[in-house]
Amino acid sequence: MVRFPAIPQAIVFDLDGILFDTEALYRDALLAAATEAGVHMPLSLCQRMVGLHGHAARVLLHEHVGDDTDLDTIWTGTSERYRAMLDTDLRLKPGVTALLDTLDELGLPRAIATSSSHGTAIHHLEAFGLRDRFDALVASGDCERCKPYPDPYLRAARILNKPTGSCLALEDSQAGVRSAVAAGLPTIMVPDLQQPSAELRRLCAGVVGDLDEVNAWLRGACGPAAEARAH
């Protein structure tokens, strides 16, 4: 059950894990690079890195491997493997196109708020012809602070010219949910690699299995209002 105080006036999407099935690719690249460097990388550490900006993820990695391991070797190896995977294995998450079609029908503006770079986001969007289907892109470097701080979502709402409380955030990670909620956006979590704790569930307006559920709820919530606007 989604608990949203009113019909949303805009939607703000996360990128990785919400629009694109990339979190698992990055995890696999990281595990392979760590193994090659002779470092055991627990899955729990990979999950903690989901949704974080590169610097924050690097800090976590350094805490794990310590000063005796060449962190740059793991980091570079991960990046090279990840880029190679993107050329062959980049996929949309289920339900993305249908949800965007619904937003078009309802006339709802939408933005992306991501910890990835502009170049990465644009690469992914252009690969599926989606770049022009978003009204704004907030990416790494656009804000002083990245997720889990509220800055990316505050900026996205400001660009869309909507109150934060009227924008619905779609997130898959703990860092992303905390960022959106701290900015004042009601948030639906669509878990990917991270499952929500009881505390995180309480923060969310809802937790659903996929974007098709978001689409069905949105059509139900906005359908009568859309008909009223049409008349």
Protein backbone atom coordinates (compact mmCIF):
# COMPACT_ATOMS: atom_id res chain seq x y z
CA MET A 1 0.00 0.00 0.00
CA VAL A 2 1.40 3.37 -1.04
CA ARG A 3 0.89 6.23 1.40
CA PHE A 4 1.08 9.45 -0.60
CA PRO A 5 -0.56 12.58 0.86
CA ALA A 6 -1.81 13.87 -2.50
CA ILE A 7 -1.60 13.24 -6.21
CA PRO A 8 2.06 13.91 -7.11
CA GLN A 9 2.83 16.90 -9.31
CA ALA A 10 6.17 15.50 -10.50
CA ILE A 11 8.30 12.35 -10.31
CA VAL A 12 12.03 12.24 -9.51
CA PHE A 13 13.80 9.02 -10.50
CA ASP A 14 17.04 7.56 -9.32
CA LEU A 15 19.12 6.21 -12.23
CA ASP A 16 21.02 3.05 -11.30
CA GLY A 17 18.78 0.32 -9.97
CA ILE A 18 15.57 2.19 -10.84
CA LEU A 19 15.81 3.06 -14.54
CA PHE A 20 18.74 0.79 -15.44
CA ASP A 21 19.74 -2.66 -14.25
CA THR A 22 23.30 -1.61 -13.50
CA GLU A 23 23.81 -2.22 -9.78
CA ALA A 24 24.41 -5.93 -10.28
CA LEU A 25 26.84 -5.19 -13.12
CA TYR A 26 28.88 -2.89 -10.88
CA ARG A 27 28.81 -5.43 -8.05
CA ASP A 28 30.12 -8.17 -10.34
CA ALA A 29 32.83 -5.88 -11.71
CA LEU A 30 33.92 -4.94 -8.19
CA LEU A 31 34.02 -8.55 -7.01
CA ALA A 32 36.09 -9.60 -10.03
CA ALA A 33 38.56 -6.73 -9.63
CA ALA A 34 38.95 -7.43 -5.91
CA THR A 35 39.50 -11.14 -6.51
CA GLU A 36 42.17 -10.36 -9.11
CA ALA A 37 43.89 -8.13 -6.53
CA GLY A 38 43.77 -10.92 -3.95
CA VAL A 39 41.16 -9.21 -1.77
CA HIS A 40 38.08 -10.91 -0.37
CA MET A 41 35.11 -8.63 -0.96
CA PRO A 42 32.01 -9.57 1.06
CA LEU A 43 28.63 -9.03 -0.60
CA SER A 44 27.55 -7.03 2.45
CA LEU A 45 30.18 -4.40 1.61
CA CYS A 46 29.00 -4.23 -2.01
CA GLN A 47 25.46 -3.67 -0.78
CA ARG A 48 26.57 -0.85 1.52
CA MET A 49 28.11 0.90 -1.50
CA VAL A 50 24.86 0.89 -3.50
CA GLY A 51 23.60 4.39 -4.22
CA LEU A 52 26.70 6.17 -2.94
CA HIS A 53 28.81 8.69 -4.82
CA GLY A 54 32.19 7.41 -5.95
CA HIS A 55 34.14 9.13 -3.17
CA ALA A 56 31.91 7.72 -0.42
CA ALA A 57 32.12 4.25 -1.95
CA ARG A 58 35.89 4.56 -2.16
CA VAL A 59 36.05 5.47 1.55
CA LEU A 60 34.13 2.30 2.42
CA LEU A 61 36.42 0.24 0.23
CA HIS A 62 39.51 1.75 1.86
CA GLU A 63 38.13 0.93 5.31
CA HIS A 64 37.84 -2.68 4.22
CA VAL A 65 41.15 -3.21 2.43
CA GLY A 66 43.31 -0.94 4.60
CA ASP A 67 46.53 0.80 3.64
CA ASP A 68 48.40 -2.34 2.56
CA THR A 69 46.34 -2.83 -0.60
CA ASP A 70 46.63 -0.75 -3.75
CA LEU A 71 43.14 0.74 -3.80
CA ASP A 72 43.66 2.26 -7.24
CA THR A 73 44.20 -1.18 -8.75
CA ILE A 74 40.81 -2.38 -7.52
CA TRP A 75 39.11 0.89 -8.42
CA THR A 76 40.56 1.01 -11.94
CA GLY A 77 39.91 -2.68 -12.54
CA THR A 78 36.30 -2.23 -11.45
CA SER A 79 35.79 0.74 -13.75
CA GLU A 80 37.27 -1.04 -16.76
CA ARG A 81 35.16 -4.15 -16.22
CA TYR A 82 32.02 -2.11 -15.59
CA ARG A 83 32.43 -0.06 -18.78
CA ALA A 84 32.93 -3.26 -20.79
CA MET A 85 29.76 -4.74 -19.29
CA LEU A 86 27.77 -1.61 -20.16
CA ASP A 87 28.60 -2.13 -23.83
CA THR A 88 26.99 -5.58 -23.86
CA ASP A 89 24.74 -5.98 -20.80
CA LEU A 90 23.08 -2.61 -20.13
CA ARG A 91 19.36 -3.19 -19.63
CA LEU A 92 16.32 -1.13 -18.68
CA LYS A 93 14.56 -2.14 -15.50
CA PRO A 94 11.15 -3.68 -16.14
CA GLY A 95 8.32 -1.18 -16.43
CA VAL A 96 10.36 1.92 -17.27
CA THR A 97 8.88 2.64 -20.70
CA ALA A 98 5.30 1.98 -19.59
CA LEU A 99 5.70 4.29 -16.59
CA LEU A 100 7.13 7.08 -18.74
CA ASP A 101 4.21 6.63 -21.12
CA THR A 102 1.83 7.08 -18.20
CA LEU A 103 3.62 10.24 -17.11
CA ASP A 104 3.24 11.57 -20.65
CA GLU A 105 -0.48 10.81 -20.59
CA LEU A 106 -0.93 12.48 -17.22
CA GLY A 107 1.25 15.46 -18.12
CA LEU A 108 3.53 14.93 -15.12
CA PRO A 109 7.05 16.38 -15.34
CA ARG A 110 9.95 14.20 -14.31
CA ALA A 111 13.63 14.47 -13.38
CA ILE A 112 16.56 12.22 -12.54
CA ALA A 113 18.63 12.62 -9.37
CA THR A 114 21.70 10.38 -9.43
CA SER A 115 25.13 9.99 -7.86
CA SER A 116 26.49 8.95 -11.26
CA SER A 117 28.17 11.43 -13.58
CA HIS A 118 26.39 13.38 -16.29
CA GLY A 119 28.32 11.43 -18.90
CA THR A 120 27.24 8.07 -17.48
CA ALA A 121 23.61 9.14 -17.18
CA ILE A 122 23.48 10.54 -20.71
CA HIS A 123 25.18 7.41 -22.10
CA HIS A 124 22.53 5.19 -20.54
CA LEU A 125 19.61 7.39 -21.55
CA GLU A 126 20.77 7.78 -25.15
CA ALA A 127 21.34 4.03 -25.48
CA PHE A 128 17.58 3.58 -25.12
CA GLY A 129 16.38 6.83 -26.67
CA LEU A 130 15.25 8.23 -23.33
CA ARG A 131 17.27 11.43 -23.01
CA ASP A 132 14.43 13.68 -24.16
CA ARG A 133 11.86 12.00 -21.92
CA PHE A 134 13.15 13.74 -18.79
CA ASP A 135 12.82 17.42 -17.96
CA ALA A 136 15.92 17.65 -15.77
CA LEU A 137 19.05 15.72 -14.82
CA VAL A 138 20.84 16.24 -11.51
CA ALA A 139 24.08 14.26 -11.42
CA SER A 140 27.44 14.14 -9.67
CA GLY A 141 29.04 17.57 -9.53
CA ASP A 142 25.77 19.50 -9.58
CA CYS A 143 25.54 19.69 -5.79
CA GLU A 144 28.05 20.23 -3.03
CA ARG A 145 26.83 17.08 -1.30
CA CYS A 146 25.61 13.82 -2.84
CA LYS A 147 23.28 11.15 -1.51
CA PRO A 148 22.48 10.39 1.31
CA TYR A 149 22.33 14.18 1.77
CA PRO A 150 19.16 15.88 0.48
CA ASP A 151 20.89 18.21 -1.99
CA PRO A 152 20.24 16.26 -5.25
CA TYR A 153 16.52 16.00 -4.60
CA LEU A 154 16.23 19.60 -3.44
CA ARG A 155 17.88 20.70 -6.67
CA ALA A 156 15.67 18.46 -8.82
CA ALA A 157 12.48 19.84 -7.24
CA ARG A 158 13.77 23.38 -7.66
CA ILE A 159 14.49 22.83 -11.38
CA LEU A 160 11.03 21.34 -11.85
CA ASN A 161 9.61 24.33 -9.95
CA LYS A 162 7.60 22.10 -7.64
CA PRO A 163 7.38 21.95 -3.83
CA THR A 164 9.39 19.00 -2.57
CA GLY A 165 6.34 17.57 -0.82
CA SER A 166 4.49 17.35 -4.14
CA CYS A 167 7.28 15.40 -5.89
CA LEU A 168 7.35 11.61 -5.66
CA ALA A 169 10.82 10.03 -5.46
CA LEU A 170 11.54 6.54 -6.79
CA GLU A 171 14.58 4.94 -5.17
CA ASP A 172 16.17 1.51 -4.76
CA SER A 173 18.86 2.14 -2.13
CA GLN A 174 19.17 3.15 1.50
CA ALA A 175 21.30 6.17 0.60
CA GLY A 176 18.80 7.27 -2.02
CA VAL A 177 15.76 6.88 0.24
CA ARG A 178 17.45 8.87 3.00
CA SER A 179 18.39 11.59 0.51
CA ALA A 180 14.87 11.93 -0.87
CA VAL A 181 13.14 11.77 2.51
CA ALA A 182 15.53 14.32 4.01
CA ALA A 183 14.62 16.65 1.13
CA GLY A 184 10.95 16.26 1.97
CA LEU A 185 9.90 14.03 -0.95
CA PRO A 186 7.49 11.17 -0.28
CA THR A 187 9.44 8.16 -1.51
CA ILE A 188 8.56 4.79 -2.98
CA MET A 189 11.34 2.25 -2.68
CA VAL A 190 11.72 -0.35 -5.42
CA PRO A 191 14.43 -2.59 -3.91
CA ASP A 192 17.17 -3.89 -6.18
CA LEU A 193 20.26 -5.20 -4.37
CA GLN A 194 19.34 -3.71 -1.00
CA GLN A 195 16.29 -4.87 0.93
CA PRO A 196 14.77 -2.27 3.26
CA SER A 197 15.06 -2.53 7.01
CA ALA A 198 12.00 -1.98 9.18
CA GLU A 199 13.25 1.55 9.87
CA LEU A 200 13.67 2.29 6.17
CA ARG A 201 10.17 0.98 5.45
CA ARG A 202 8.78 3.46 7.95
CA LEU A 203 10.50 6.28 6.07
CA CYS A 204 8.96 5.30 2.75
CA ALA A 205 5.53 6.12 1.40
CA GLY A 206 5.60 2.58 0.07
CA VAL A 207 7.82 -0.37 -0.87
CA VAL A 208 6.90 -2.17 -4.10
CA GLY A 209 8.32 -4.98 -6.20
CA ASP A 210 8.78 -3.16 -9.50
CA LEU A 211 7.88 -0.10 -11.54
CA ASP A 212 4.79 -1.79 -12.91
CA GLU A 213 3.32 -1.55 -9.41
CA VAL A 214 4.19 2.14 -9.31
CA ASN A 215 2.52 2.56 -12.69
CA ALA A 216 -0.65 0.78 -11.60
CA TRP A 217 -0.86 2.84 -8.40
CA LEU A 218 -0.20 6.09 -10.27
CA ARG A 219 -2.91 5.36 -12.83
CA GLY A 220 -5.33 4.62 -10.02
CA ALA A 221 -4.37 7.73 -8.08
CA CYS A 222 -4.29 10.13 -11.00
CA GLY A 223 -6.86 8.68 -13.39
CA PRO A 224 -9.91 10.61 -12.08
CA ALA A 225 -7.93 13.82 -11.82
CA ALA A 226 -6.66 13.36 -15.38
CA GLU A 227 -10.23 12.89 -16.63
CA ALA A 228 -11.35 16.01 -14.79
CA ARG A 229 -8.56 18.04 -16.39
CA ALA A 230 -9.51 16.71 -19.83
CA HIS A 231 -13.07 17.97 -19.36
